[in-house]
Amino acid sequence: MLIEDVITDYFDNLLRLSESEIIGELSQYGWKRSKILRKKFTNTTSIDSKEIIRDFNLPSETVISPSPDG
């Protein structure tokens, strides 16, 4: 599937970056490095359906179904 190719390519390219470039890339998506546990990253970013509809320029009547994972 295309998504698997995209994800594989993204992570292959991500791992070719320096540590500071990787941290910069991850911080764009809301990931923050723990100040105490240097290998731990957390992401508390929350996205709701209204933001998805706005960001993807979808019609306001668009309904987003819950994921099968919950």
PDB file of N, CA and C in Angstrom:
ATOM      1  N   MET A   1       0.839  -1.185   0.000  1.00  0.00           N
ATOM      2  CA  MET A   1       0.000   0.000   0.000  1.00  0.00           C
ATOM      3  C   MET A   1       0.887   1.252   0.000  1.00  0.00           C
ATOM      4  N   LEU A   2       0.347   2.297  -0.516  1.00  0.00           N
ATOM      5  CA  LEU A   2       1.071   3.563  -0.612  1.00  0.00           C
ATOM      6  C   LEU A   2       1.468   4.096   0.757  1.00  0.00           C
ATOM      7  N   ILE A   3       0.574   3.988   1.746  1.00  0.00           N
ATOM      8  CA  ILE A   3       0.874   4.530   3.073  1.00  0.00           C
ATOM      9  C   ILE A   3       2.105   3.865   3.667  1.00  0.00           C
ATOM     10  N   GLU A   4       2.269   2.577   3.455  1.00  0.00           N
ATOM     11  CA  GLU A   4       3.444   1.871   3.974  1.00  0.00           C
ATOM     12  C   GLU A   4       4.717   2.389   3.314  1.00  0.00           C
ATOM     13  N   ASP A   5       4.660   2.654   2.012  1.00  0.00           N
ATOM     14  CA  ASP A   5       5.823   3.198   1.307  1.00  0.00           C
ATOM     15  C   ASP A   5       6.173   4.594   1.807  1.00  0.00           C
ATOM     16  N   VAL A   6       5.154   5.406   2.038  1.00  0.00           N
ATOM     17  CA  VAL A   6       5.373   6.769   2.511  1.00  0.00           C
ATOM     18  C   VAL A   6       5.981   6.758   3.909  1.00  0.00           C
ATOM     19  N   ILE A   7       5.436   5.932   4.780  1.00  0.00           N
ATOM     20  CA  ILE A   7       5.952   5.863   6.155  1.00  0.00           C
ATOM     21  C   ILE A   7       7.386   5.344   6.164  1.00  0.00           C
ATOM     22  N   THR A   8       7.648   4.289   5.391  1.00  0.00           N
ATOM     23  CA  THR A   8       9.002   3.742   5.310  1.00  0.00           C
ATOM     24  C   THR A   8       9.980   4.799   4.812  1.00  0.00           C
ATOM     25  N   ASP A   9       9.595   5.510   3.762  1.00  0.00           N
ATOM     26  CA  ASP A   9      10.457   6.545   3.201  1.00  0.00           C
ATOM     27  C   ASP A   9      10.693   7.675   4.207  1.00  0.00           C
ATOM     28  N   TYR A  10       9.638   8.091   4.910  1.00  0.00           N
ATOM     29  CA  TYR A  10       9.756   9.173   5.896  1.00  0.00           C
ATOM     30  C   TYR A  10      10.757   8.787   6.983  1.00  0.00           C
ATOM     31  N   PHE A  11      10.605   7.591   7.548  1.00  0.00           N
ATOM     32  CA  PHE A  11      11.493   7.191   8.637  1.00  0.00           C
ATOM     33  C   PHE A  11      12.910   6.911   8.150  1.00  0.00           C
ATOM     34  N   ASP A  12      13.065   6.390   6.950  1.00  0.00           N
ATOM     35  CA  ASP A  12      14.412   6.220   6.393  1.00  0.00           C
ATOM     36  C   ASP A  12      15.120   7.568   6.300  1.00  0.00           C
ATOM     37  N   ASN A  13      14.416   8.564   5.793  1.00  0.00           N
ATOM     38  CA  ASN A  13      14.996   9.909   5.667  1.00  0.00           C
ATOM     39  C   ASN A  13      15.199  10.568   7.024  1.00  0.00           C
ATOM     40  N   LEU A  14      14.274  10.350   7.936  1.00  0.00           N
ATOM     41  CA  LEU A  14      14.389  10.922   9.277  1.00  0.00           C
ATOM     42  C   LEU A  14      15.643  10.409   9.977  1.00  0.00           C
ATOM     43  N   LEU A  15      15.917   9.123   9.839  1.00  0.00           N
ATOM     44  CA  LEU A  15      17.067   8.531  10.530  1.00  0.00           C
ATOM     45  C   LEU A  15      18.395   8.905   9.896  1.00  0.00           C
ATOM     46  N   ARG A  16      18.378   9.517   8.745  1.00  0.00           N
ATOM     47  CA  ARG A  16      19.609  10.012   8.113  1.00  0.00           C
ATOM     48  C   ARG A  16      19.994  11.399   8.627  1.00  0.00           C
ATOM     49  N   LEU A  17      19.102  12.040   9.363  1.00  0.00           N
ATOM     50  CA  LEU A  17      19.356  13.382   9.878  1.00  0.00           C
ATOM     51  C   LEU A  17      20.205  13.321  11.143  1.00  0.00           C
ATOM     52  N   SER A  18      20.776  14.456  11.504  1.00  0.00           N
ATOM     53  CA  SER A  18      21.497  14.548  12.775  1.00  0.00           C
ATOM     54  C   SER A  18      20.471  14.556  13.917  1.00  0.00           C
ATOM     55  N   GLU A  19      20.955  14.331  15.124  1.00  0.00           N
ATOM     56  CA  GLU A  19      20.058  14.300  16.279  1.00  0.00           C
ATOM     57  C   GLU A  19      19.284  15.606  16.424  1.00  0.00           C
ATOM     58  N   SER A  20      19.954  16.735  16.263  1.00  0.00           N
ATOM     59  CA  SER A  20      19.264  18.020  16.419  1.00  0.00           C
ATOM     60  C   SER A  20      18.224  18.229  15.317  1.00  0.00           C
ATOM     61  N   GLU A  21      18.510  17.753  14.099  1.00  0.00           N
ATOM     62  CA  GLU A  21      17.533  17.871  13.004  1.00  0.00           C
ATOM     63  C   GLU A  21      16.325  16.972  13.261  1.00  0.00           C
ATOM     64  N   ILE A  22      16.564  15.788  13.816  1.00  0.00           N
ATOM     65  CA  ILE A  22      15.454  14.877  14.138  1.00  0.00           C
ATOM     66  C   ILE A  22      14.556  15.516  15.198  1.00  0.00           C
ATOM     67  N   ILE A  23      15.168  16.071  16.233  1.00  0.00           N
ATOM     68  CA  ILE A  23      14.393  16.715  17.291  1.00  0.00           C
ATOM     69  C   ILE A  23      13.601  17.890  16.730  1.00  0.00           C
ATOM     70  N   GLY A  24      14.203  18.661  15.839  1.00  0.00           N
ATOM     71  CA  GLY A  24      13.494  19.765  15.193  1.00  0.00           C
ATOM     72  C   GLY A  24      12.302  19.288  14.383  1.00  0.00           C
ATOM     73  N   GLU A  25      12.491  18.206  13.649  1.00  0.00           N
ATOM     74  CA  GLU A  25      11.404  17.627  12.843  1.00  0.00           C
ATOM     75  C   GLU A  25      10.273  17.137  13.743  1.00  0.00           C
ATOM     76  N   LEU A  26      10.616  16.404  14.791  1.00  0.00           N
ATOM     77  CA  LEU A  26       9.587  15.879  15.685  1.00  0.00           C
ATOM     78  C   LEU A  26       8.862  16.990  16.432  1.00  0.00           C
ATOM     79  N   SER A  27       9.567  18.057  16.767  1.00  0.00           N
ATOM     80  CA  SER A  27       8.925  19.153  17.495  1.00  0.00           C
ATOM     81  C   SER A  27       7.863  19.850  16.647  1.00  0.00           C
ATOM     82  N   GLN A  28       7.999  19.775  15.323  1.00  0.00           N
ATOM     83  CA  GLN A  28       6.970  20.353  14.441  1.00  0.00           C
ATOM     84  C   GLN A  28       5.623  19.660  14.626  1.00  0.00           C
ATOM     85  N   TYR A  29       5.669  18.415  15.080  1.00  0.00           N
ATOM     86  CA  TYR A  29       4.453  17.631  15.254  1.00  0.00           C
ATOM     87  C   TYR A  29       4.030  17.522  16.714  1.00  0.00           C
ATOM     88  N   GLY A  30       4.618  18.368  17.567  1.00  0.00           N
ATOM     89  CA  GLY A  30       4.196  18.430  18.956  1.00  0.00           C
ATOM     90  C   GLY A  30       4.973  17.539  19.908  1.00  0.00           C
ATOM     91  N   TRP A  31       5.998  16.839  19.437  1.00  0.00           N
ATOM     92  CA  TRP A  31       6.787  15.972  20.307  1.00  0.00           C
ATOM     93  C   TRP A  31       7.778  16.814  21.091  1.00  0.00           C
ATOM     94  N   LYS A  32       7.903  16.496  22.392  1.00  0.00           N
ATOM     95  CA  LYS A  32       8.844  17.201  23.260  1.00  0.00           C
ATOM     96  C   LYS A  32       9.709  16.169  23.972  1.00  0.00           C
ATOM     97  N   ARG A  33      10.989  16.485  24.076  1.00  0.00           N
ATOM     98  CA  ARG A  33      11.941  15.599  24.734  1.00  0.00           C
ATOM     99  C   ARG A  33      11.902  15.840  26.244  1.00  0.00           C
ATOM    100  N   SER A  34      11.908  14.761  27.014  1.00  0.00           N
ATOM    101  CA  SER A  34      11.950  14.865  28.467  1.00  0.00           C
ATOM    102  C   SER A  34      13.280  15.478  28.895  1.00  0.00           C
ATOM    103  N   LYS A  35      13.227  16.382  29.848  1.00  0.00           N
ATOM    104  CA  LYS A  35      14.453  17.014  30.334  1.00  0.00           C
ATOM    105  C   LYS A  35      15.259  16.066  31.217  1.00  0.00           C
ATOM    106  N   ILE A  36      14.589  15.116  31.826  1.00  0.00           N
ATOM    107  CA  ILE A  36      15.265  14.166  32.713  1.00  0.00           C
ATOM    108  C   ILE A  36      15.633  12.883  31.968  1.00  0.00           C
ATOM    109  N   LEU A  37      14.659  12.272  31.317  1.00  0.00           N
ATOM    110  CA  LEU A  37      14.889  11.035  30.567  1.00  0.00           C
ATOM    111  C   LEU A  37      15.117  11.407  29.108  1.00  0.00           C
ATOM    112  N   ARG A  38      16.355  11.579  28.714  1.00  0.00           N
ATOM    113  CA  ARG A  38      16.722  12.148  27.413  1.00  0.00           C
ATOM    114  C   ARG A  38      16.226  11.337  26.212  1.00  0.00           C
ATOM    115  N   LYS A  39      15.943  10.042  26.402  1.00  0.00           N
ATOM    116  CA  LYS A  39      15.468   9.225  25.280  1.00  0.00           C
ATOM    117  C   LYS A  39      13.943   9.201  25.190  1.00  0.00           C
ATOM    118  N   LYS A  40      13.273   9.839  26.141  1.00  0.00           N
ATOM    119  CA  LYS A  40      11.816   9.817  26.175  1.00  0.00           C
ATOM    120  C   LYS A  40      11.240  11.070  25.516  1.00  0.00           C
ATOM    121  N   PHE A  41      10.298  10.839  24.611  1.00  0.00           N
ATOM    122  CA  PHE A  41       9.569  11.923  23.961  1.00  0.00           C
ATOM    123  C   PHE A  41       8.092  11.766  24.278  1.00  0.00           C
ATOM    124  N   THR A  42       7.410  12.867  24.464  1.00  0.00           N
ATOM    125  CA  THR A  42       5.971  12.825  24.706  1.00  0.00           C
ATOM    126  C   THR A  42       5.267  13.769  23.746  1.00  0.00           C
ATOM    127  N   ASN A  43       4.036  13.438  23.466  1.00  0.00           N
ATOM    128  CA  ASN A  43       3.217  14.271  22.594  1.00  0.00           C
ATOM    129  C   ASN A  43       1.847  14.389  23.219  1.00  0.00           C
ATOM    130  N   THR A  44       1.515  15.563  23.671  1.00  0.00           N
ATOM    131  CA  THR A  44       0.214  15.790  24.293  1.00  0.00           C
ATOM    132  C   THR A  44      -0.717  16.569  23.374  1.00  0.00           C
ATOM    133  N   THR A  45      -0.311  16.680  22.118  1.00  0.00           N
ATOM    134  CA  THR A  45      -1.121  17.413  21.158  1.00  0.00           C
ATOM    135  C   THR A  45      -2.432  16.666  20.923  1.00  0.00           C
ATOM    136  N   SER A  46      -3.502  17.393  20.960  1.00  0.00           N
ATOM    137  CA  SER A  46      -4.815  16.806  20.721  1.00  0.00           C
ATOM    138  C   SER A  46      -5.435  17.482  19.500  1.00  0.00           C
ATOM    139  N   ILE A  47      -5.941  16.666  18.598  1.00  0.00           N
ATOM    140  CA  ILE A  47      -6.569  17.196  17.388  1.00  0.00           C
ATOM    141  C   ILE A  47      -8.008  16.714  17.365  1.00  0.00           C
ATOM    142  N   ASP A  48      -8.921  17.636  17.195  1.00  0.00           N
ATOM    143  CA  ASP A  48     -10.316  17.226  17.110  1.00  0.00           C
ATOM    144  C   ASP A  48     -10.789  17.268  15.660  1.00  0.00           C
ATOM    145  N   SER A  49     -11.983  16.749  15.431  1.00  0.00           N
ATOM    146  CA  SER A  49     -12.500  16.636  14.065  1.00  0.00           C
ATOM    147  C   SER A  49     -12.664  17.997  13.397  1.00  0.00           C
ATOM    148  N   LYS A  50     -12.963  19.051  14.162  1.00  0.00           N
ATOM    149  CA  LYS A  50     -13.116  20.380  13.569  1.00  0.00           C
ATOM    150  C   LYS A  50     -11.793  20.868  12.975  1.00  0.00           C
ATOM    151  N   GLU A  51     -10.685  20.563  13.677  1.00  0.00           N
ATOM    152  CA  GLU A  51      -9.372  20.957  13.155  1.00  0.00           C
ATOM    153  C   GLU A  51      -9.032  20.188  11.886  1.00  0.00           C
ATOM    154  N   ILE A  52      -9.368  18.918  11.842  1.00  0.00           N
ATOM    155  CA  ILE A  52      -9.098  18.109  10.654  1.00  0.00           C
ATOM    156  C   ILE A  52      -9.891  18.644   9.468  1.00  0.00           C
ATOM    157  N   ILE A  53     -11.158  18.930   9.688  1.00  0.00           N
ATOM    158  CA  ILE A  53     -11.999  19.468   8.613  1.00  0.00           C
ATOM    159  C   ILE A  53     -11.431  20.792   8.115  1.00  0.00           C
ATOM    160  N   ARG A  54     -11.002  21.661   9.032  1.00  0.00           N
ATOM    161  CA  ARG A  54     -10.435  22.962   8.657  1.00  0.00           C
ATOM    162  C   ARG A  54      -9.106  22.796   7.922  1.00  0.00           C
ATOM    163  N   ASP A  55      -8.204  21.980   8.466  1.00  0.00           N
ATOM    164  CA  ASP A  55      -6.871  21.826   7.893  1.00  0.00           C
ATOM    165  C   ASP A  55      -6.886  21.186   6.511  1.00  0.00           C
ATOM    166  N   PHE A  56      -7.836  20.287   6.272  1.00  0.00           N
ATOM    167  CA  PHE A  56      -7.909  19.630   4.975  1.00  0.00           C
ATOM    168  C   PHE A  56      -8.913  20.294   4.048  1.00  0.00           C
ATOM    169  N   ASN A  57      -9.451  21.438   4.491  1.00  0.00           N
ATOM    170  CA  ASN A  57     -10.378  22.210   3.672  1.00  0.00           C
ATOM    171  C   ASN A  57     -11.558  21.346   3.219  1.00  0.00           C
ATOM    172  N   LEU A  58     -12.110  20.567   4.160  1.00  0.00           N
ATOM    173  CA  LEU A  58     -13.256  19.706   3.860  1.00  0.00           C
ATOM    174  C   LEU A  58     -14.550  20.489   4.061  1.00  0.00           C
ATOM    175  N   PRO A  59     -15.619  20.100   3.389  1.00  0.00           N
ATOM    176  CA  PRO A  59     -16.897  20.772   3.604  1.00  0.00           C
ATOM    177  C   PRO A  59     -17.320  20.658   5.069  1.00  0.00           C
ATOM    178  N   SER A  60     -18.001  21.654   5.587  1.00  0.00           N
ATOM    179  CA  SER A  60     -18.389  21.676   6.999  1.00  0.00           C
ATOM    180  C   SER A  60     -19.316  20.523   7.373  1.00  0.00           C
ATOM    181  N   GLU A  61     -20.041  19.976   6.391  1.00  0.00           N
ATOM    182  CA  GLU A  61     -20.943  18.866   6.692  1.00  0.00           C
ATOM    183  C   GLU A  61     -20.234  17.508   6.732  1.00  0.00           C
ATOM    184  N   THR A  62     -18.924  17.505   6.557  1.00  0.00           N
ATOM    185  CA  THR A  62     -18.143  16.266   6.608  1.00  0.00           C
ATOM    186  C   THR A  62     -18.241  15.652   7.999  1.00  0.00           C
ATOM    187  N   VAL A  63     -18.493  14.342   8.029  1.00  0.00           N
ATOM    188  CA  VAL A  63     -18.567  13.603   9.296  1.00  0.00           C
ATOM    189  C   VAL A  63     -17.367  12.669   9.341  1.00  0.00           C
ATOM    190  N   ILE A  64     -16.643  12.716  10.439  1.00  0.00           N
ATOM    191  CA  ILE A  64     -15.499  11.846  10.611  1.00  0.00           C
ATOM    192  C   ILE A  64     -15.888  10.708  11.530  1.00  0.00           C
ATOM    193  N   SER A  65     -15.780   9.481  11.031  1.00  0.00           N
ATOM    194  CA  SER A  65     -16.124   8.306  11.816  1.00  0.00           C
ATOM    195  C   SER A  65     -15.008   8.003  12.805  1.00  0.00           C
ATOM    196  N   PRO A  66     -15.350   7.451  13.967  1.00  0.00           N
ATOM    197  CA  PRO A  66     -14.315   7.074  14.918  1.00  0.00           C
ATOM    198  C   PRO A  66     -13.464   5.949  14.342  1.00  0.00           C
ATOM    199  N   SER A  67     -12.197   5.912  14.758  1.00  0.00           N
ATOM    200  CA  SER A  67     -11.306   4.855  14.270  1.00  0.00           C
ATOM    201  C   SER A  67     -11.701   3.522  14.895  1.00  0.00           C
ATOM    202  N   PRO A  68     -11.352   2.422  14.232  1.00  0.00           N
ATOM    203  CA  PRO A  68     -11.683   1.107  14.793  1.00  0.00           C
ATOM    204  C   PRO A  68     -10.931   0.823  16.085  1.00  0.00           C
ATOM    205  N   ASP A  69      -9.841   1.549  16.327  1.00  0.00           N
ATOM    206  CA  ASP A  69      -9.045   1.340  17.541  1.00  0.00           C
ATOM    207  C   ASP A  69      -9.655   2.019  18.755  1.00  0.00           C
ATOM    208  N   GLY A  70     -10.661   2.811  18.550  1.00  0.00           N
ATOM    209  CA  GLY A  70     -11.268   3.474  19.696  1.00  0.00           C
ATOM    210  C   GLY A  70     -11.258   4.897  19.523  1.00  0.00           C
TER     211      GLY A  70
END
